[in-house]
Amino acid sequence: MMKILAIIPIATDRLNNTFHNIFSKAVCDDTEIHTINIEKGAVGIKDRLNCYESASDVVKEIKKAEKLGFDGVHVNVMFDIVGTEVAREIVNIPVLGAFWPNVSMAMSLARKISLIALAESEESIFIEHFRVYGMMENVASIRSLNIATKQINEKDNPEIIEKMCELSLKLVKEDNAEAIVFGCTAFFDCAVPVSDFLRKKTGKRIPVIDPNTTSINYLEMIVKNKLSHSQVTYTTT
């Protein structure tokens, strides 16, 4: 039995059930998934300040998770600077954010990828991430929906999906994107409808990566292969 903790790095539980249901359906039958939010931190992650505000509590929960016997931790946010990198220097179990699993999956299926961010304030953070991973030459574009985090919830999904479909088509036609990555894990159940829309409009299969199922399955793969982060890269204290 594999035991994974998913941390929603915001100081509210309003999205816990939604994310937990998505993770539970995505993981293997022998994987036990627990989903929590942090107690202290930002109520939404949209800039570097929010990342800083939430990082400390995220690291505390990761340290606790290792002591409680969890096999791995998923920090459910597209920014790897919300405690993920720091925690790798403290614990031995694998800790994974959502950015790398998603861009890695996209790059395994295409050569030029585009990312849809929530707001323009996030774009420079994603550029930094792509540079760190040496992937800027593979980035076709980064564009934003320019909507507030509080606008995202299940009842708003049809409107958001419509906006994402329109923007995704521009990414393909104008920016020459070959695969699409979402820059927000709160884009619930958008990947399939956007992919179907692009197939209908272009006549071609264009990978659209689901940020949540991809991330949790990626962590499962790491745990199943008995792997964790390098202690040469991350010196464990």
Foldseek 3Di string as FASTA:
>chain_A
DAEEEEEAQAQDCPCQVVLVVVLVVLDDPPYHYHYDYFNWFHRDDDAPRRLVRRQVRVLVVLVVCVVVPHQEYEYEAQQCSNNQQVNQQADWHAYYYQNVLQVVVQVVPDQAEEEEEAAPNCVVRVVVVCVVVVNPVRYLYYYYLHDDPVCQDDVCLVVVLVSVLVVVLCCCPVSVHQEYEYNGLSNPPNQVVSQVSCCVVPVDGGHYTNRSSSRSVVSVVCSVVVHHDDCVSRPHD
